[in-house]
């Protein structure tokens, strides 16, 4: 296990391989940790009434990696004692695959839960990662990650 005194962002990366959630959990655990909040974002099979077969995630990798780490660092600075590991995957993913994994660890559950939520909400707004859904009918469309559900996606042919 990691040192009890090491807090903050322990790992933040943009990856192309499947995310190993167990490894992220192991990296976040420590002697003083009493709570681990794990958030997994996965590719779903339906979006706004349209059947989805997969998703492309693209990023300006160096900027995305830097901003991902900055988001996690800011959340950790606002919550002393928080330990974070995070990965966001890019490339083509099938339905059910994990696109983002966040592990927020703390001595107490409140900061762990709040930390994971704050990171995913800020990530959606700030990190330059774009997603394009693949639909059953063969169409593909870029999806605005900052828009709320209920707004139709523009169509591509």
C-alpha atoms as a PDB file:
ATOM      1  CA  UNK A   1       0.000   0.000   0.000  1.00  0.00           C
ATOM      2  CA  UNK A   2       0.964   3.609  -0.504  1.00  0.00           C
ATOM      3  CA  UNK A   3       2.198   5.933   2.200  1.00  0.00           C
ATOM      4  CA  UNK A   4      -0.458   7.273   4.560  1.00  0.00           C
ATOM      5  CA  UNK A   5       0.780  10.841   4.073  1.00  0.00           C
ATOM      6  CA  UNK A   6       0.719  10.855   0.251  1.00  0.00           C
ATOM      7  CA  UNK A   7      -2.421  12.666  -0.884  1.00  0.00           C
ATOM      8  CA  UNK A   8      -3.531  14.495  -3.990  1.00  0.00           C
ATOM      9  CA  UNK A   9      -3.448  13.240  -7.549  1.00  0.00           C
ATOM     10  CA  UNK A  10      -1.631   9.914  -7.527  1.00  0.00           C
ATOM     11  CA  UNK A  11      -2.326   9.115 -11.195  1.00  0.00           C
ATOM     12  CA  UNK A  12      -4.117  10.939 -14.053  1.00  0.00           C
ATOM     13  CA  UNK A  13      -3.833   9.710 -17.639  1.00  0.00           C
ATOM     14  CA  UNK A  14      -5.381   9.537 -21.073  1.00  0.00           C
ATOM     15  CA  UNK A  15      -5.127   5.905 -22.224  1.00  0.00           C
ATOM     16  CA  UNK A  16      -5.856   3.820 -25.313  1.00  0.00           C
ATOM     17  CA  UNK A  17      -6.039   0.388 -23.652  1.00  0.00           C
ATOM     18  CA  UNK A  18      -8.940  -0.876 -21.530  1.00  0.00           C
ATOM     19  CA  UNK A  19      -8.939   0.693 -18.067  1.00  0.00           C
ATOM     20  CA  UNK A  20      -7.830  -1.553 -15.214  1.00  0.00           C
ATOM     21  CA  UNK A  21     -10.137  -0.365 -12.434  1.00  0.00           C
ATOM     22  CA  UNK A  22      -8.593  -2.740  -9.893  1.00  0.00           C
ATOM     23  CA  UNK A  23      -5.183  -1.175 -10.472  1.00  0.00           C
ATOM     24  CA  UNK A  24      -6.599   2.329  -9.940  1.00  0.00           C
ATOM     25  CA  UNK A  25      -8.247   1.202  -6.698  1.00  0.00           C
ATOM     26  CA  UNK A  26      -5.018  -0.378  -5.472  1.00  0.00           C
ATOM     27  CA  UNK A  27      -3.086   2.828  -6.203  1.00  0.00           C
ATOM     28  CA  UNK A  28      -5.627   4.915  -4.259  1.00  0.00           C
ATOM     29  CA  UNK A  29      -5.731   2.714  -1.153  1.00  0.00           C
ATOM     30  CA  UNK A  30      -3.638   3.551   1.896  1.00  0.00           C
ATOM     31  CA  UNK A  31      -3.589   2.874   5.623  1.00  0.00           C
ATOM     32  CA  UNK A  32      -5.635   5.983   6.477  1.00  0.00           C
ATOM     33  CA  UNK A  33      -8.273   5.468   3.791  1.00  0.00           C
ATOM     34  CA  UNK A  34     -11.719   4.555   5.092  1.00  0.00           C
ATOM     35  CA  UNK A  35     -13.704   5.243   1.921  1.00  0.00           C
ATOM     36  CA  UNK A  36     -13.180   4.703  -1.787  1.00  0.00           C
ATOM     37  CA  UNK A  37     -15.643   6.216  -4.235  1.00  0.00           C
ATOM     38  CA  UNK A  38     -15.386   4.663  -7.693  1.00  0.00           C
ATOM     39  CA  UNK A  39     -17.073   6.310 -10.670  1.00  0.00           C
ATOM     40  CA  UNK A  40     -17.154   4.452 -13.984  1.00  0.00           C
ATOM     41  CA  UNK A  41     -18.471   6.012 -17.160  1.00  0.00           C
ATOM     42  CA  UNK A  42     -19.457   3.394 -19.735  1.00  0.00           C
ATOM     43  CA  UNK A  43     -20.749   3.392 -23.298  1.00  0.00           C
ATOM     44  CA  UNK A  44     -24.500   2.860 -23.143  1.00  0.00           C
ATOM     45  CA  UNK A  45     -26.618   1.185 -25.821  1.00  0.00           C
ATOM     46  CA  UNK A  46     -29.231   3.924 -26.107  1.00  0.00           C
ATOM     47  CA  UNK A  47     -28.969   7.706 -26.155  1.00  0.00           C
ATOM     48  CA  UNK A  48     -31.952  10.026 -26.530  1.00  0.00           C
ATOM     49  CA  UNK A  49     -34.035   7.215 -27.991  1.00  0.00           C
ATOM     50  CA  UNK A  50     -31.464   6.138 -30.574  1.00  0.00           C
ATOM     51  CA  UNK A  51     -29.856   2.684 -30.340  1.00  0.00           C
ATOM     52  CA  UNK A  52     -26.061   3.011 -30.063  1.00  0.00           C
ATOM     53  CA  UNK A  53     -23.519   0.373 -31.149  1.00  0.00           C
ATOM     54  CA  UNK A  54     -20.340   2.095 -29.985  1.00  0.00           C
ATOM     55  CA  UNK A  55     -18.473   5.338 -29.487  1.00  0.00           C
ATOM     56  CA  UNK A  56     -15.314   7.051 -30.714  1.00  0.00           C
ATOM     57  CA  UNK A  57     -13.449   9.166 -28.175  1.00  0.00           C
ATOM     58  CA  UNK A  58     -10.908  11.623 -29.532  1.00  0.00           C
ATOM     59  CA  UNK A  59      -8.722  14.101 -27.707  1.00  0.00           C
ATOM     60  CA  UNK A  60      -6.010  16.640 -28.089  1.00  0.00           C
ATOM     61  CA  UNK A  61      -3.963  14.258 -25.941  1.00  0.00           C
ATOM     62  CA  UNK A  62      -1.335  16.505 -24.360  1.00  0.00           C
ATOM     63  CA  UNK A  63      -3.863  19.204 -23.499  1.00  0.00           C
ATOM     64  CA  UNK A  64      -6.430  16.630 -22.301  1.00  0.00           C
ATOM     65  CA  UNK A  65      -3.863  14.937 -20.048  1.00  0.00           C
ATOM     66  CA  UNK A  66      -2.774  18.277 -18.602  1.00  0.00           C
ATOM     67  CA  UNK A  67      -6.340  19.480 -17.999  1.00  0.00           C
ATOM     68  CA  UNK A  68      -7.411  16.114 -16.547  1.00  0.00           C
ATOM     69  CA  UNK A  69      -4.589  16.369 -13.998  1.00  0.00           C
ATOM     70  CA  UNK A  70      -5.475  20.024 -13.283  1.00  0.00           C
ATOM     71  CA  UNK A  71      -9.133  19.163 -12.606  1.00  0.00           C
ATOM     72  CA  UNK A  72      -8.141  16.367 -10.227  1.00  0.00           C
ATOM     73  CA  UNK A  73      -5.533  18.557  -8.523  1.00  0.00           C
ATOM     74  CA  UNK A  74      -8.048  21.378  -7.943  1.00  0.00           C
ATOM     75  CA  UNK A  75     -10.544  18.986  -6.376  1.00  0.00           C
ATOM     76  CA  UNK A  76      -7.812  17.520  -4.156  1.00  0.00           C
ATOM     77  CA  UNK A  77      -6.709  21.000  -3.067  1.00  0.00           C
ATOM     78  CA  UNK A  78     -10.299  21.779  -2.046  1.00  0.00           C
ATOM     79  CA  UNK A  79     -10.517  18.547  -0.023  1.00  0.00           C
ATOM     80  CA  UNK A  80      -7.426  17.956   2.137  1.00  0.00           C
ATOM     81  CA  UNK A  81      -6.589  14.278   2.515  1.00  0.00           C
ATOM     82  CA  UNK A  82      -8.226  13.248  -0.778  1.00  0.00           C
ATOM     83  CA  UNK A  83      -6.318  10.752  -2.942  1.00  0.00           C
ATOM     84  CA  UNK A  84      -7.267  10.435  -6.614  1.00  0.00           C
ATOM     85  CA  UNK A  85      -6.490   8.089  -9.475  1.00  0.00           C
ATOM     86  CA  UNK A  86      -8.166   8.689 -12.837  1.00  0.00           C
ATOM     87  CA  UNK A  87      -7.982   7.492 -16.420  1.00  0.00           C
ATOM     88  CA  UNK A  88      -9.970   8.469 -19.500  1.00  0.00           C
ATOM     89  CA  UNK A  89      -9.845   6.193 -22.509  1.00  0.00           C
ATOM     90  CA  UNK A  90      -9.749   7.323 -26.128  1.00  0.00           C
ATOM     91  CA  UNK A  91     -10.311   5.321 -29.299  1.00  0.00           C
ATOM     92  CA  UNK A  92     -13.265   3.224 -30.417  1.00  0.00           C
ATOM     93  CA  UNK A  93     -15.207   1.599 -27.577  1.00  0.00           C
ATOM     94  CA  UNK A  94     -18.032  -0.919 -27.685  1.00  0.00           C
ATOM     95  CA  UNK A  95     -21.235  -0.728 -25.670  1.00  0.00           C
ATOM     96  CA  UNK A  96     -20.475  -1.511 -22.023  1.00  0.00           C
ATOM     97  CA  UNK A  97     -16.794  -0.591 -22.127  1.00  0.00           C
ATOM     98  CA  UNK A  98     -15.412   1.819 -19.519  1.00  0.00           C
ATOM     99  CA  UNK A  99     -14.503   5.216 -20.968  1.00  0.00           C
ATOM    100  CA  UNK A 100     -13.562   6.943 -17.703  1.00  0.00           C
ATOM    101  CA  UNK A 101     -12.683   5.690 -14.238  1.00  0.00           C
ATOM    102  CA  UNK A 102     -12.243   7.878 -11.178  1.00  0.00           C
ATOM    103  CA  UNK A 103     -11.209   6.596  -7.760  1.00  0.00           C
ATOM    104  CA  UNK A 104     -11.461   9.150  -4.968  1.00  0.00           C
ATOM    105  CA  UNK A 105     -10.152   7.911  -1.620  1.00  0.00           C
ATOM    106  CA  UNK A 106     -10.360   9.603   1.763  1.00  0.00           C
ATOM    107  CA  UNK A 107     -10.541   8.788   5.441  1.00  0.00           C
ATOM    108  CA  UNK A 108     -14.284   9.557   5.279  1.00  0.00           C
ATOM    109  CA  UNK A 109     -17.055   8.789   2.770  1.00  0.00           C
ATOM    110  CA  UNK A 110     -18.333  12.363   2.284  1.00  0.00           C
ATOM    111  CA  UNK A 111     -15.135  13.777   0.797  1.00  0.00           C
ATOM    112  CA  UNK A 112     -14.595  10.607  -1.282  1.00  0.00           C
ATOM    113  CA  UNK A 113     -18.108  10.774  -2.789  1.00  0.00           C
ATOM    114  CA  UNK A 114     -17.985  14.541  -3.278  1.00  0.00           C
ATOM    115  CA  UNK A 115     -14.527  14.327  -4.846  1.00  0.00           C
ATOM    116  CA  UNK A 116     -15.512  11.779  -7.490  1.00  0.00           C
ATOM    117  CA  UNK A 117     -18.604  13.788  -8.428  1.00  0.00           C
ATOM    118  CA  UNK A 118     -16.721  17.096  -8.599  1.00  0.00           C
ATOM    119  CA  UNK A 119     -14.087  15.558 -10.859  1.00  0.00           C
ATOM    120  CA  UNK A 120     -16.520  14.039 -13.377  1.00  0.00           C
ATOM    121  CA  UNK A 121     -18.627  17.212 -13.547  1.00  0.00           C
ATOM    122  CA  UNK A 122     -15.579  19.432 -14.120  1.00  0.00           C
ATOM    123  CA  UNK A 123     -13.992  16.944 -16.534  1.00  0.00           C
ATOM    124  CA  UNK A 124     -17.101  17.089 -18.770  1.00  0.00           C
ATOM    125  CA  UNK A 125     -16.835  20.887 -18.925  1.00  0.00           C
ATOM    126  CA  UNK A 126     -13.080  21.366 -19.274  1.00  0.00           C
ATOM    127  CA  UNK A 127     -11.161  18.404 -20.655  1.00  0.00           C
ATOM    128  CA  UNK A 128     -10.878  18.448 -24.488  1.00  0.00           C
ATOM    129  CA  UNK A 129     -12.233  14.979 -25.224  1.00  0.00           C
ATOM    130  CA  UNK A 130     -14.827  14.568 -27.958  1.00  0.00           C
ATOM    131  CA  UNK A 131     -17.178  11.669 -28.517  1.00  0.00           C
ATOM    132  CA  UNK A 132     -18.957  10.432 -31.618  1.00  0.00           C
ATOM    133  CA  UNK A 133     -21.757   7.918 -31.258  1.00  0.00           C
ATOM    134  CA  UNK A 134     -22.275   5.085 -33.727  1.00  0.00           C
ATOM    135  CA  UNK A 135     -25.943   4.284 -34.308  1.00  0.00           C
ATOM    136  CA  UNK A 136     -27.617   1.040 -35.387  1.00  0.00           C
ATOM    137  CA  UNK A 137     -28.823   2.715 -38.602  1.00  0.00           C
ATOM    138  CA  UNK A 138     -25.196   3.387 -39.645  1.00  0.00           C
ATOM    139  CA  UNK A 139     -25.205   7.104 -38.854  1.00  0.00           C
ATOM    140  CA  UNK A 140     -22.639   8.685 -36.568  1.00  0.00           C
ATOM    141  CA  UNK A 141     -22.903  11.951 -34.650  1.00  0.00           C
ATOM    142  CA  UNK A 142     -20.620  14.020 -32.464  1.00  0.00           C
ATOM    143  CA  UNK A 143     -22.063  14.497 -28.989  1.00  0.00           C
ATOM    144  CA  UNK A 144     -21.556  17.602 -26.883  1.00  0.00           C
ATOM    145  CA  UNK A 145     -20.413  16.236 -23.500  1.00  0.00           C
ATOM    146  CA  UNK A 146     -21.463  19.461 -21.762  1.00  0.00           C
ATOM    147  CA  UNK A 147     -25.105  19.384 -22.872  1.00  0.00           C
ATOM    148  CA  UNK A 148     -27.740  17.846 -20.700  1.00  0.00           C
ATOM    149  CA  UNK A 149     -29.771  14.866 -21.811  1.00  0.00           C
ATOM    150  CA  UNK A 150     -32.868  15.688 -23.791  1.00  0.00           C
ATOM    151  CA  UNK A 151     -31.254  17.775 -26.517  1.00  0.00           C
ATOM    152  CA  UNK A 152     -30.992  15.965 -29.864  1.00  0.00           C
ATOM    153  CA  UNK A 153     -27.538  15.360 -31.329  1.00  0.00           C
ATOM    154  CA  UNK A 154     -26.720  16.739 -34.769  1.00  0.00           C
ATOM    155  CA  UNK A 155     -26.736  14.005 -37.398  1.00  0.00           C
ATOM    156  CA  UNK A 156     -23.911  12.965 -39.707  1.00  0.00           C
ATOM    157  CA  UNK A 157     -24.351  10.707 -42.699  1.00  0.00           C
END
